[in-house]
């Protein structure tokens, strides 16, 4: 992800974070459809169905935010917030689920997606070990 966009998203998230909480990783994604499907099907059809999702792992919590459709540097609200180590996080090949909110990683966000999941549940990541590339 472009570092400038990442910093803008972190700045937008500050109002939702606890004092002193430090962001470790950011993943940009979307709801409802994978980016591959979005590219294959006419984007004009899915533009009103797909919503931006931003996952952030901090030193204390993992968050899923609703992104703003009209601005890539704004966040609308917190959808999920869970303590690190107790976060209900699942990773599949293309998506990250935090609690009840699923986000399909945008292209070139798959490493960030895996990093958010690993930071959310460090014990689980240690048990499963390193993943083959």
Protein backbone atom coordinates (compact mmCIF):
# COMPACT_ATOMS: atom_id res chain seq x y z
CA UNK A 1 0.00 0.00 0.00
CA UNK A 2 1.18 3.50 -0.63
CA UNK A 3 2.73 4.71 2.61
CA UNK A 4 1.04 8.10 2.29
CA UNK A 5 -2.43 6.48 2.17
CA UNK A 6 -1.57 4.24 5.11
CA UNK A 7 -0.53 7.25 7.20
CA UNK A 8 -3.75 9.09 6.30
CA UNK A 9 -5.85 6.10 7.37
CA UNK A 10 -3.93 5.84 10.64
CA UNK A 11 -4.54 9.56 11.24
CA UNK A 12 -8.26 9.10 10.52
CA UNK A 13 -8.42 6.18 12.98
CA UNK A 14 -6.92 8.15 15.89
CA UNK A 15 -10.36 9.32 17.04
CA UNK A 16 -11.41 5.67 17.54
CA UNK A 17 -8.21 4.42 19.20
CA UNK A 18 -7.41 4.51 22.90
CA UNK A 19 -4.85 7.06 24.10
CA UNK A 20 -1.32 5.83 23.39
CA UNK A 21 -2.46 2.96 21.16
CA UNK A 22 0.00 2.37 18.29
CA UNK A 23 -1.04 0.99 14.88
CA UNK A 24 1.12 -1.96 13.76
CA UNK A 25 -0.49 -2.91 10.42
CA UNK A 26 -3.21 -1.71 8.04
CA UNK A 27 -5.07 -3.70 5.39
CA UNK A 28 -7.39 -2.20 2.80
CA UNK A 29 -10.22 -4.34 1.51
CA UNK A 30 -13.83 -4.40 0.45
CA UNK A 31 -17.05 -6.15 1.43
CA UNK A 32 -19.31 -8.44 -0.59
CA UNK A 33 -17.09 -9.39 -3.55
CA UNK A 34 -13.48 -10.30 -4.18
CA UNK A 35 -11.48 -7.80 -6.21
CA UNK A 36 -11.10 -10.45 -8.91
CA UNK A 37 -14.86 -10.78 -9.30
CA UNK A 38 -15.15 -7.01 -9.19
CA UNK A 39 -12.77 -6.76 -12.16
CA UNK A 40 -14.42 -9.57 -14.12
CA UNK A 41 -17.99 -8.35 -13.69
CA UNK A 42 -18.81 -4.85 -14.81
CA UNK A 43 -17.67 -2.64 -11.90
CA UNK A 44 -20.66 -0.37 -12.48
CA UNK A 45 -22.90 -3.27 -11.38
CA UNK A 46 -21.04 -3.88 -8.11
CA UNK A 47 -20.13 -0.30 -7.21
CA UNK A 48 -23.29 0.08 -5.12
CA UNK A 49 -22.87 -3.30 -3.40
CA UNK A 50 -19.19 -3.22 -2.45
CA UNK A 51 -18.15 -1.16 0.58
CA UNK A 52 -14.58 -0.28 1.61
CA UNK A 53 -13.23 -2.05 4.69
CA UNK A 54 -10.07 -1.18 6.60
CA UNK A 55 -8.55 -3.66 9.07
CA UNK A 56 -6.01 -2.36 11.59
CA UNK A 57 -3.97 -4.18 14.17
CA UNK A 58 -2.62 -2.09 17.03
CA UNK A 59 -0.56 -3.02 20.05
CA UNK A 60 -3.83 -3.57 22.02
CA UNK A 61 -6.73 -4.26 19.62
CA UNK A 62 -7.69 -5.36 16.15
CA UNK A 63 -10.27 -3.21 14.36
CA UNK A 64 -12.46 -3.41 11.27
CA UNK A 65 -13.54 0.00 10.03
CA UNK A 66 -16.08 1.00 7.43
CA UNK A 67 -14.20 3.10 4.90
CA UNK A 68 -15.65 6.07 3.09
CA UNK A 69 -16.77 5.36 -0.49
CA UNK A 70 -15.86 8.85 -1.70
CA UNK A 71 -12.54 9.39 0.09
CA UNK A 72 -9.76 6.85 0.54
CA UNK A 73 -8.40 8.71 3.57
CA UNK A 74 -11.58 8.77 5.70
CA UNK A 75 -13.24 6.23 7.97
CA UNK A 76 -16.98 6.23 8.68
CA UNK A 77 -17.17 4.08 11.83
CA UNK A 78 -15.84 1.09 13.77
CA UNK A 79 -17.52 -2.17 12.79
CA UNK A 80 -15.53 -4.53 15.04
CA UNK A 81 -13.06 -4.07 17.91
CA UNK A 82 -11.41 -6.95 19.75
CA UNK A 83 -8.51 -7.29 22.17
CA UNK A 84 -5.27 -8.73 20.82
CA UNK A 85 -5.05 -12.42 21.67
CA UNK A 86 -8.84 -12.84 21.99
CA UNK A 87 -9.82 -11.64 18.54
CA UNK A 88 -12.15 -13.89 16.52
CA UNK A 89 -10.09 -13.68 13.32
CA UNK A 90 -10.14 -16.02 10.33
CA UNK A 91 -8.02 -15.80 7.20
CA UNK A 92 -8.80 -17.46 3.90
CA UNK A 93 -6.97 -17.14 0.60
CA UNK A 94 -8.62 -13.82 -0.31
CA UNK A 95 -10.35 -12.58 2.84
CA UNK A 96 -9.99 -11.63 6.48
CA UNK A 97 -12.90 -12.00 8.88
CA UNK A 98 -12.88 -10.15 12.20
CA UNK A 99 -15.91 -11.05 14.29
CA UNK A 100 -18.89 -10.81 11.93
CA UNK A 101 -17.22 -8.55 9.37
CA UNK A 102 -15.53 -10.00 6.30
CA UNK A 103 -13.16 -8.03 4.12
CA UNK A 104 -11.75 -9.20 0.81
CA UNK A 105 -8.18 -7.95 0.47
CA UNK A 106 -7.53 -5.63 -2.42
CA UNK A 107 -4.80 -6.63 -4.82
CA UNK A 108 -1.33 -6.35 -3.26
CA UNK A 109 -2.85 -6.40 0.27
CA UNK A 110 -2.49 -10.13 0.94
CA UNK A 111 0.70 -9.77 3.01
CA UNK A 112 -0.92 -7.02 5.10
CA UNK A 113 -3.99 -9.25 5.57
CA UNK A 114 -1.84 -12.12 6.91
CA UNK A 115 0.11 -9.73 9.12
CA UNK A 116 -3.08 -8.28 10.68
CA UNK A 117 -4.30 -11.82 11.43
CA UNK A 118 -0.93 -12.81 12.94
CA UNK A 119 -0.86 -9.70 15.13
CA UNK A 120 -4.48 -10.26 16.24
CA UNK A 121 -3.74 -13.74 17.61
CA UNK A 122 -0.01 -14.13 18.23
CA UNK A 123 -0.43 -17.46 20.06
CA UNK A 124 -2.35 -18.98 17.15
CA UNK A 125 0.26 -17.74 14.66
CA UNK A 126 3.04 -19.30 16.78
CA UNK A 127 1.20 -22.65 16.92
CA UNK A 128 0.55 -22.79 13.17
CA UNK A 129 4.14 -21.75 12.42
CA UNK A 130 5.43 -20.02 9.34
CA UNK A 131 3.36 -20.45 6.21
CA UNK A 132 4.92 -21.67 2.96
CA UNK A 133 5.33 -18.95 0.36
